């Protein structure tokens, strides 16, 4: 029978659009009840890092932390939650969650609407409907990178997130 992993991130889920500050929660245990959470941009540069207090050695506890990120330079990034080895400073039990920064897509960011693709739609046409400018299609593409791999190929029935 296997036990719980040392760190589990429950929020955000992979590819969620996050706001500023980024809120992360989950369950974990670390040496003396401390581990770390950080956010990186799409280039791998650290934007924010905070300590996390939860549980203790062999005891799992809930955590909820906020990481101020401002307006990141890239729409895509990662949340990383990890323990640090007291022996050599290496990162242990690291959980990496890919995220999308709402404020990098649209500032201020208030959330997203949903749009269901119909036959004949293009990202530029949808951008014209939502933002009044066909050139805003990259905003839609970046908000939906988890399901759109080629901006020239969207399909009827896809439900897209439209940053608002």
Protein backbone atom coordinates (compact mmCIF):
# COMPACT_ATOMS: atom_id res chain seq x y z
CA UNK A 1 0.00 0.00 0.00
CA UNK A 2 1.46 3.35 -0.99
CA UNK A 3 1.15 6.47 1.08
CA UNK A 4 0.59 10.08 0.18
CA UNK A 5 3.25 11.89 -1.82
CA UNK A 6 5.26 14.36 0.28
CA UNK A 7 3.68 17.31 -1.58
CA UNK A 8 0.39 17.51 -3.42
CA UNK A 9 -0.86 20.64 -5.20
CA UNK A 10 -4.64 20.86 -5.42
CA UNK A 11 -4.88 24.37 -6.80
CA UNK A 12 -4.07 25.58 -9.39
CA UNK A 13 -4.69 22.66 -11.70
CA UNK A 14 -2.46 22.23 -14.78
CA UNK A 15 -3.00 24.98 -17.37
CA UNK A 16 -5.32 27.05 -15.15
CA UNK A 17 -5.33 30.77 -15.85
CA UNK A 18 -4.07 32.41 -12.66
CA UNK A 19 -4.30 35.97 -11.42
CA UNK A 20 -2.01 38.13 -9.31
CA UNK A 21 -1.27 37.08 -6.69
CA UNK A 22 -1.06 33.41 -7.60
CA UNK A 23 -2.76 31.35 -4.90
CA UNK A 24 -1.60 27.81 -4.33
CA UNK A 25 -2.99 25.24 -1.94
CA UNK A 26 -2.55 21.58 -1.25
CA UNK A 27 -1.22 19.16 1.28
CA UNK A 28 2.33 18.34 2.24
CA UNK A 29 5.01 17.56 4.73
CA UNK A 30 8.56 18.80 4.96
CA UNK A 31 11.48 18.77 7.31
CA UNK A 32 10.23 20.58 10.43
CA UNK A 33 7.04 21.43 8.52
CA UNK A 34 8.63 23.79 6.01
CA UNK A 35 9.06 23.65 2.25
CA UNK A 36 8.86 26.22 -0.58
CA UNK A 37 6.65 27.44 -3.44
CA UNK A 38 7.83 29.49 -6.39
CA UNK A 39 6.57 30.79 -9.71
CA UNK A 40 8.67 30.91 -12.88
CA UNK A 41 7.91 32.63 -16.16
CA UNK A 42 8.01 30.82 -19.52
CA UNK A 43 11.77 31.43 -19.79
CA UNK A 44 12.43 29.75 -16.44
CA UNK A 45 13.18 32.97 -14.56
CA UNK A 46 11.96 33.03 -10.96
CA UNK A 47 9.24 35.62 -10.39
CA UNK A 48 8.32 34.85 -6.78
CA UNK A 49 9.16 32.41 -3.99
CA UNK A 50 7.63 31.97 -0.54
CA UNK A 51 8.11 29.57 2.35
CA UNK A 52 5.32 27.08 3.04
CA UNK A 53 4.46 25.86 6.53
CA UNK A 54 2.49 22.62 6.67
CA UNK A 55 2.60 19.43 8.65
CA UNK A 56 5.95 18.30 9.94
CA UNK A 57 8.35 15.43 9.55
CA UNK A 58 6.01 12.52 8.81
CA UNK A 59 2.88 14.62 9.34
CA UNK A 60 0.86 15.99 6.40
CA UNK A 61 -0.91 19.31 6.68
CA UNK A 62 -2.87 21.65 4.42
CA UNK A 63 -1.20 24.71 2.94
CA UNK A 64 -2.47 27.88 1.27
CA UNK A 65 0.03 30.46 0.03
CA UNK A 66 0.02 33.54 -2.19
CA UNK A 67 2.80 34.57 -4.54
CA UNK A 68 2.81 38.13 -5.91
CA UNK A 69 3.83 38.04 -9.58
CA UNK A 70 2.75 41.39 -11.06
CA UNK A 71 2.50 41.24 -14.85
CA UNK A 72 4.79 38.40 -15.94
CA UNK A 73 6.82 38.80 -19.16
CA UNK A 74 5.37 35.61 -20.67
CA UNK A 75 1.82 34.22 -20.74
CA UNK A 76 2.98 30.71 -19.78
CA UNK A 77 4.84 29.70 -16.65
CA UNK A 78 5.01 27.20 -13.81
CA UNK A 79 4.21 26.88 -10.15
CA UNK A 80 6.74 24.71 -8.31
CA UNK A 81 6.32 23.39 -4.78
CA UNK A 82 9.29 21.54 -3.28
CA UNK A 83 11.21 20.60 -0.17
CA UNK A 84 14.88 21.55 0.21
CA UNK A 85 17.42 18.97 1.33
CA UNK A 86 19.07 19.95 4.62
CA UNK A 87 22.04 17.84 3.49
CA UNK A 88 22.94 19.50 0.16
CA UNK A 89 20.28 22.13 -0.66
CA UNK A 90 18.86 20.12 -3.56
CA UNK A 91 15.15 20.27 -4.32
CA UNK A 92 13.17 17.21 -3.23
CA UNK A 93 9.64 15.98 -3.99
CA UNK A 94 9.15 18.83 -6.48
CA UNK A 95 5.70 19.24 -8.02
CA UNK A 96 5.61 21.36 -11.18
CA UNK A 97 2.27 22.73 -12.41
CA UNK A 98 2.09 24.52 -15.80
CA UNK A 99 0.03 27.72 -15.50
CA UNK A 100 -1.11 30.63 -17.68
CA UNK A 101 -0.83 34.19 -16.34
CA UNK A 102 -4.07 36.10 -16.81
CA UNK A 103 -2.42 39.50 -16.44
CA UNK A 104 0.09 38.66 -19.19
CA UNK A 105 -2.90 38.06 -21.49
CA UNK A 106 -5.01 41.05 -20.48
CA UNK A 107 -4.33 43.62 -17.79
CA UNK A 108 -6.40 44.02 -15.70
CA UNK A 109 -7.52 40.41 -15.83
CA UNK A 110 -10.94 39.62 -14.34
CA UNK A 111 -11.51 36.02 -15.41
CA UNK A 112 -12.63 34.35 -18.60
CA UNK A 113 -15.75 33.70 -20.61
CA UNK A 114 -16.28 30.51 -22.58
CA UNK A 115 -16.81 30.35 -26.32
CA UNK A 116 -17.77 27.22 -28.27
CA UNK A 117 -16.14 27.07 -31.70
CA UNK A 118 -18.53 26.70 -34.65
CA UNK A 119 -17.79 25.70 -38.22
CA UNK A 120 -15.95 28.46 -40.08
CA UNK A 121 -14.50 30.10 -36.98
CA UNK A 122 -10.88 31.31 -36.87
CA UNK A 123 -8.99 32.71 -33.89
CA UNK A 124 -8.78 36.10 -35.62
CA UNK A 125 -12.54 36.10 -36.27
CA UNK A 126 -13.27 35.19 -32.65
CA UNK A 127 -10.83 37.92 -31.50
CA UNK A 128 -12.75 40.45 -33.61
CA UNK A 129 -16.01 39.41 -31.90
CA UNK A 130 -14.60 39.54 -28.36
CA UNK A 131 -11.96 42.25 -28.52
CA UNK A 132 -12.85 44.26 -31.62
CA UNK A 133 -9.46 43.52 -33.20
CA UNK A 134 -8.45 40.52 -35.33
CA UNK A 135 -4.83 41.01 -34.23
CA UNK A 136 -5.71 39.98 -30.66
CA UNK A 137 -5.93 36.28 -31.64
CA UNK A 138 -2.64 35.43 -29.80
CA UNK A 139 -4.44 36.24 -26.52
CA UNK A 140 -6.94 33.45 -27.25
CA UNK A 141 -4.20 31.08 -28.41
CA UNK A 142 -2.12 31.57 -25.24
CA UNK A 143 -5.18 31.19 -22.97
CA UNK A 144 -5.88 27.82 -24.58
CA UNK A 145 -2.40 26.35 -25.15
CA UNK A 146 -3.51 23.20 -23.35
CA UNK A 147 -5.85 22.38 -26.25
CA UNK A 148 -4.66 24.43 -29.26
CA UNK A 149 -1.30 23.39 -30.64
CA UNK A 150 -1.58 25.14 -34.03
CA UNK A 151 -3.40 28.51 -34.09
CA UNK A 152 -4.60 27.74 -37.63
CA UNK A 153 -6.42 24.60 -36.48
CA UNK A 154 -9.41 24.92 -34.20
CA UNK A 155 -12.38 22.61 -34.35
CA UNK A 156 -16.17 22.94 -33.96
CA UNK A 157 -17.19 22.00 -30.44
CA UNK A 158 -13.96 23.15 -28.76
CA UNK A 159 -14.73 25.31 -25.74
CA UNK A 160 -12.23 28.13 -25.54
CA UNK A 161 -11.37 30.39 -22.60
CA UNK A 162 -11.72 34.05 -23.52
CA UNK A 163 -9.79 36.30 -21.10
CA UNK A 164 -11.88 39.19 -19.82
